[in-house]
Protein backbone atom coordinates (compact mmCIF):
# COMPACT_ATOMS: atom_id res chain seq x y z
CA MET A 1 53.43 -28.53 34.56
CA THR A 2 50.66 -31.18 34.78
CA MET A 3 47.39 -29.87 33.38
CA PRO A 4 44.61 -29.62 36.01
CA ARG A 5 42.12 -32.44 35.60
CA ILE A 6 39.31 -34.14 37.46
CA ILE A 7 38.48 -37.83 37.19
CA PHE A 8 34.79 -38.59 37.60
CA LYS A 9 33.38 -42.11 37.52
CA CYS A 10 29.71 -42.91 37.93
CA ARG A 11 28.57 -46.52 37.96
CA TYR A 12 25.74 -48.33 39.67
CA ILE A 13 26.01 -51.19 42.12
CA LYS A 14 25.33 -54.57 40.55
CA SER A 15 24.44 -57.79 42.30
CA ALA A 16 27.77 -59.58 42.22
CA ALA A 17 27.78 -63.39 42.18
CA ASP A 18 31.56 -63.40 42.53
CA HIS A 19 32.53 -61.09 45.38
CA ALA A 20 36.26 -61.66 44.88
CA GLU A 21 36.59 -62.07 48.63
CA ASN A 22 40.37 -61.89 48.70
CA LEU A 23 40.32 -58.45 47.08
CA VAL A 24 37.53 -57.19 49.36
CA THR A 25 39.40 -58.39 52.46
CA TYR A 26 42.60 -56.76 51.17
CA ILE A 27 41.11 -53.32 50.66
CA ALA A 28 38.71 -53.35 53.62
CA THR A 29 41.26 -54.40 56.27
CA ARG A 30 44.61 -52.92 55.24
CA ASP A 31 45.88 -49.74 56.85
CA GLY A 32 45.30 -47.32 54.01
CA VAL A 33 47.99 -46.99 51.37
CA GLU A 34 50.93 -49.23 52.18
CA LYS A 35 53.78 -47.08 53.43
CA LEU A 36 56.97 -48.54 52.03
CA PRO A 37 60.33 -47.85 53.63
CA GLU A 38 62.07 -44.91 51.97
CA ARG A 39 64.83 -47.13 50.58
CA MET A 40 62.29 -49.32 48.72
CA ARG A 41 59.92 -46.76 47.26
CA ASN A 42 61.84 -46.12 44.06
CA ARG A 43 62.80 -49.73 43.43
CA PRO A 44 61.21 -51.44 40.39
CA ALA A 45 57.79 -52.98 41.00
CA THR A 46 57.95 -56.56 42.23
CA GLU A 47 56.72 -59.52 40.20
CA LYS A 48 53.83 -59.96 42.65
CA GLN A 49 52.85 -56.31 42.18
CA LYS A 50 53.04 -56.65 38.40
CA PHE A 51 50.80 -59.73 38.60
CA LEU A 52 48.26 -57.84 40.73
CA VAL A 53 48.35 -54.87 38.32
CA SER A 54 47.70 -57.19 35.36
CA ASP A 55 44.87 -58.93 37.22
CA ILE A 56 43.27 -55.60 38.12
CA LEU A 57 43.48 -54.35 34.53
CA ILE A 58 41.66 -57.50 33.36
CA ARG A 59 38.98 -57.26 36.04
CA PHE A 60 38.55 -53.48 35.83
CA PRO A 61 39.68 -52.12 32.42
CA ASP A 62 38.58 -48.58 33.25
CA THR A 63 41.30 -48.32 35.92
CA THR A 64 43.59 -47.27 33.07
CA GLY A 65 41.94 -43.85 33.50
CA LEU A 66 43.17 -43.39 37.07
CA PHE A 67 45.86 -40.87 37.95
CA GLU A 68 47.67 -43.68 39.76
CA TYR A 69 47.90 -45.73 36.57
CA GLU A 70 49.41 -42.77 34.71
CA ASP A 71 52.02 -42.48 37.48
CA TYR A 72 52.73 -46.23 37.37
CA LEU A 73 53.16 -46.24 33.58
CA ALA A 74 55.48 -43.25 33.71
CA ASN A 75 57.54 -44.73 36.57
CA PRO A 76 56.77 -48.39 37.49
CA THR A 77 58.24 -48.31 40.99
CA MET A 78 57.17 -50.27 44.05
CA GLU A 79 55.53 -47.16 45.49
CA ASN A 80 53.56 -46.33 42.34
CA ALA A 81 52.49 -49.95 41.94
CA SER A 82 51.25 -49.99 45.54
CA GLU A 83 49.37 -46.72 45.01
CA PHE A 84 47.71 -48.06 41.85
CA ILE A 85 46.72 -51.38 43.43
CA SER A 86 45.23 -49.63 46.45
CA ALA A 87 43.37 -47.02 44.40
CA SER A 88 42.01 -49.60 41.96
CA LEU A 89 40.53 -51.78 44.67
CA ASP A 90 39.30 -48.76 46.61
CA GLN A 91 37.46 -47.40 43.58
CA ASN A 92 35.97 -50.75 42.59
CA LEU A 93 34.74 -52.01 45.94
CA ASP A 94 31.20 -51.18 44.82
CA GLN A 95 31.56 -53.98 42.29
CA LEU A 96 32.95 -56.40 44.86
CA ALA A 97 30.77 -56.04 47.93
CA HIS A 98 27.18 -55.66 49.06
CA GLN A 99 25.79 -52.15 49.53
CA ASP A 100 25.96 -52.15 53.34
CA VAL A 101 29.64 -53.20 53.21
CA TYR A 102 30.35 -50.37 50.77
CA VAL A 103 28.69 -47.74 52.99
CA ASN A 104 30.62 -48.93 56.03
CA TYR A 105 33.88 -49.04 54.07
CA ILE A 106 33.84 -45.55 52.62
CA ALA A 107 32.82 -44.08 55.98
CA THR A 108 35.33 -45.82 58.24
CA ARG A 109 38.39 -46.89 56.23
CA PRO A 110 41.75 -45.33 57.09
CA HIS A 111 42.28 -41.89 55.49
CA ALA A 112 38.53 -41.15 55.45
CA GLU A 113 38.35 -37.75 57.18
CA ARG A 114 36.09 -38.34 60.14
CA LEU A 115 33.44 -35.76 61.01
CA ASP A 116 32.33 -37.63 64.13
CA ALA A 117 32.57 -41.40 64.59
CA HIS A 118 32.88 -41.80 60.83
CA GLY A 119 33.34 -39.70 57.68
CA LEU A 120 29.90 -39.95 56.10
CA PHE A 121 28.04 -36.72 55.20
CA SER A 122 25.01 -35.65 53.16
CA ASP A 123 22.61 -32.72 52.69
CA GLU A 124 21.95 -31.91 56.34
CA ASP A 125 24.22 -30.83 59.19
CA ILE A 126 22.92 -33.58 61.43
CA PRO A 127 24.89 -36.63 62.61
CA LEU A 128 24.29 -39.69 60.45
CA SER A 129 23.81 -43.14 61.92
CA LEU A 130 26.24 -45.32 60.01
CA SER A 131 24.39 -48.57 60.73
CA GLN A 132 21.02 -47.09 59.84
CA THR A 133 22.37 -45.56 56.62
CA ALA A 134 24.03 -48.83 55.64
CA GLN A 135 20.79 -50.76 56.21
CA GLU A 136 18.80 -48.16 54.28
CA VAL A 137 21.10 -48.35 51.28
CA ALA A 138 21.29 -52.15 51.39
CA ALA A 139 17.49 -52.43 51.45
CA HIS A 140 16.95 -50.09 48.50
CA PRO A 141 15.30 -52.04 45.64
CA GLY A 142 16.33 -49.68 42.82
CA ASN A 143 19.60 -48.63 41.21
CA ILE A 144 22.30 -47.11 43.40
CA TRP A 145 25.02 -45.06 41.76
CA THR A 146 28.51 -44.78 43.20
CA PRO A 147 30.26 -41.68 41.81
CA ILE A 148 33.93 -41.15 42.62
CA ILE A 149 35.62 -37.77 42.17
CA SER A 150 39.41 -37.67 42.18
CA LEU A 151 42.01 -34.88 41.98
CA ARG A 152 45.76 -34.71 41.97
CA ARG A 153 47.16 -33.74 45.35
CA GLU A 154 48.75 -30.52 44.09
CA ASP A 155 45.46 -29.34 42.58
CA ALA A 156 43.45 -30.24 45.68
CA ALA A 157 45.89 -28.39 47.94
CA ARG A 158 46.18 -25.35 45.67
CA LEU A 159 42.41 -24.97 45.24
CA GLY A 160 41.40 -25.82 48.80
CA TYR A 161 39.88 -29.25 48.17
CA ASP A 162 42.11 -31.13 50.59
CA ASN A 163 39.55 -31.23 53.41
CA ALA A 164 36.06 -32.60 54.01
CA ALA A 165 34.46 -29.17 54.57
CA ALA A 166 35.22 -28.07 50.99
CA TRP A 167 33.76 -31.29 49.56
CA ILE A 168 30.64 -30.99 51.70
CA ALA A 169 30.03 -27.48 50.35
CA LEU A 170 30.77 -28.56 46.77
CA LEU A 171 28.49 -31.60 46.73
CA ARG A 172 25.63 -29.78 48.42
CA GLN A 173 25.91 -27.07 45.79
CA GLN A 174 25.99 -29.64 42.98
CA ARG A 175 23.25 -31.97 44.25
CA ASN A 176 20.49 -30.52 42.04
CA ILE A 177 22.72 -30.90 38.98
CA PHE A 178 23.18 -34.55 39.92
CA ALA A 179 19.41 -34.92 40.27
CA GLU A 180 18.77 -33.32 36.88
CA GLN A 181 21.38 -35.35 35.03
CA MET A 182 20.39 -38.62 36.73
CA LYS A 183 16.69 -38.08 35.94
CA ILE A 184 15.73 -38.02 39.62
CA ALA A 185 13.26 -35.55 41.12
CA SER A 186 15.20 -33.27 43.47
CA VAL A 187 12.96 -34.08 46.45
CA ASN A 188 13.58 -37.80 45.90
CA LEU A 189 17.37 -37.60 45.63
CA ARG A 190 19.36 -39.22 48.42
CA TRP A 191 23.12 -39.04 48.55
CA TYR A 192 25.90 -39.81 50.97
CA ALA A 193 29.61 -39.18 50.60
CA ALA A 194 32.97 -39.44 52.35
CA TYR A 195 36.22 -37.64 51.59
CA HIS A 196 39.39 -39.75 51.51
CA ASP A 197 42.56 -37.75 52.04
CA GLU A 198 44.54 -40.36 50.14
CA GLY A 199 48.19 -40.18 49.13
CA TYR A 200 48.85 -38.32 45.92
CA HIS A 201 45.24 -38.35 44.74
CA PRO A 202 42.62 -37.33 47.30
CA HIS A 203 39.11 -38.31 46.28
CA CYS A 204 35.49 -38.40 47.31
CA HIS A 205 33.19 -41.45 47.26
CA MET A 206 29.45 -40.94 46.81
CA ILE A 207 26.29 -43.05 46.97
CA VAL A 208 23.32 -41.65 45.05
CA TYR A 209 19.81 -43.00 44.52
CA SER A 210 16.12 -42.04 44.41
CA VAL A 211 13.59 -42.96 47.09
CA ASP A 212 11.35 -43.76 44.12
CA SER A 213 12.99 -46.90 42.75
CA ARG A 214 11.38 -46.24 39.35
CA GLU A 215 13.49 -43.10 38.91
CA GLY A 216 17.07 -42.76 37.81
CA PHE A 217 18.82 -43.15 34.48
CA VAL A 218 22.37 -42.10 33.66
CA THR A 219 23.84 -41.73 30.17
CA LYS A 220 27.40 -41.00 29.05
CA PRO A 221 26.47 -37.39 28.15
CA ALA A 222 24.96 -37.01 31.64
CA ILE A 223 28.17 -38.28 33.24
CA GLU A 224 30.17 -35.79 31.17
CA ALA A 225 27.76 -32.99 32.16
CA MET A 226 28.22 -33.79 35.87
CA ARG A 227 31.99 -34.00 35.44
CA SER A 228 32.08 -30.67 33.61
CA SER A 229 29.93 -28.98 36.26
CA LEU A 230 32.20 -30.23 39.04
CA ALA A 231 35.32 -29.21 37.10
CA ARG A 232 33.99 -25.68 36.47
CA GLU A 233 33.35 -25.20 40.16
CA ILE A 234 36.58 -26.77 41.40
CA PHE A 235 38.83 -25.05 38.84
CA GLN A 236 36.99 -21.72 38.71
CA GLN A 237 40.06 -19.89 40.04
CA ASP A 238 42.15 -21.30 37.20
CA LEU A 239 39.44 -20.52 34.64
CA LEU A 240 39.17 -16.93 35.87
CA GLN A 241 42.92 -16.51 35.44
CA ILE A 242 42.77 -18.02 31.93
CA TYR A 243 39.89 -15.73 30.91
CA THR A 244 41.73 -12.71 32.31
CA GLU A 245 44.90 -13.62 30.39
CA GLN A 246 42.93 -14.18 27.17
CA THR A 247 41.20 -10.81 27.57
CA GLU A 248 44.53 -9.07 28.08
CA ARG A 249 45.99 -10.80 25.00
CA ARG A 250 43.01 -9.70 22.89
CA LYS A 251 43.41 -6.11 24.09
CA THR A 252 47.13 -6.18 23.25
CA LEU A 253 46.54 -7.62 19.77
CA THR A 254 43.78 -5.09 19.11
CA ALA A 255 46.02 -2.19 20.14
CA GLN A 256 48.93 -3.49 18.04
CA SER A 257 46.72 -3.98 14.98
CA ARG A 258 45.20 -0.51 15.35
CA ASP A 259 48.66 1.09 15.65
CA THR A 260 49.85 -0.79 12.54
CA LEU A 261 46.82 0.32 10.50
CA GLN A 262 47.13 3.93 11.61
CA ASP A 263 50.84 3.93 10.72
CA LEU A 264 50.02 2.56 7.27
CA LEU A 265 47.34 5.23 6.79
CA ARG A 266 49.80 7.97 7.70
CA GLN A 267 52.20 6.64 5.08
CA MET A 268 49.43 6.67 2.45
CA GLN A 269 48.31 10.15 3.39
CA ALA A 270 51.92 11.33 3.14
CA GLY A 271 51.98 10.06 -0.45
CA ASN A 272 54.24 7.13 0.17
CA CYS A 273 51.53 4.75 -1.03
CA ASN A 274 49.01 5.74 -3.72
CA ASN A 275 46.01 3.43 -3.72
CA PRO A 276 42.65 5.20 -3.06
CA VAL A 277 40.64 1.99 -2.85
CA LEU A 278 43.02 0.44 -0.32
CA GLU A 279 43.15 3.72 1.57
CA ASN A 280 39.32 3.80 1.94
CA MET A 281 39.28 0.19 3.08
CA LEU A 282 42.01 0.74 5.66
CA THR A 283 40.35 3.93 6.91
CA GLN A 284 37.10 2.05 7.48
CA LEU A 285 38.95 -0.81 9.16
CA ALA A 286 40.80 1.56 11.46
CA GLU A 287 37.51 3.22 12.42
CA ASP A 288 36.03 -0.19 13.18
CA TYR A 289 38.97 -1.03 15.43
CA THR A 290 38.64 2.33 17.22
CA PHE A 291 34.89 1.78 17.69
CA SER A 292 35.37 -1.77 18.95
CA ALA A 293 38.11 -0.78 21.36
CA GLY A 294 35.88 1.91 22.82
CA MET A 295 32.97 -0.47 23.43
């Protein structure tokens, strides 16, 4: 069984001199993940795919942390190569395009779950103007962070995070944690997001910034704190089960140890073992176990 895990990336948009237009066009215009014919999916990756994978790994070394790359390494088929190429470009468009292009892309691309005319959402239950939001983000003079949160399909489905409504509730609940960790006053925090119901690894794109361009600073510990907070909330059902199992194991071990000590005491009291010092120690230990178990 694959261990539950969340991938959380949090970078900020940089002014890119080289927009790598061919890659932007590829990811912004293609129809989601390329659906290969069934007969081709398990064939070995093509030379062109291998070249693209190598190029992506050079351009974006952190893509080695994607679920799709793990799948490709384990089984380098045409399907897994296609999934990795698509996911890599999707999750690095913030480094390849201007802010307004990025906002439009995450809100309208295929597989973005649409809430109205697009898939963008934020703090309020009011319709967002995509063009106005894109212009607002593009005109922002300060740093703009672009978190991406990704799950494996089986975890998302099992835990109920395979729909936009669950992600809306999650991110609204977590927004103050984002503000705290990103050193942004809560009232100044602005964020937008879109859920992409993508292939084997559904994910959520975010845009986060402060209306005060002087605010905002993100460290590696802060990124880990945000990831951990998201993971605790998403996997709370799993954690509750783990805690319950651990508690039951402790109770079983305590009962077994107490029974063993009491049996040994009975043997000593019956004269089968003559050691007064050990007897006193075991008596005290047995009493401690009894007291602890009754707490």
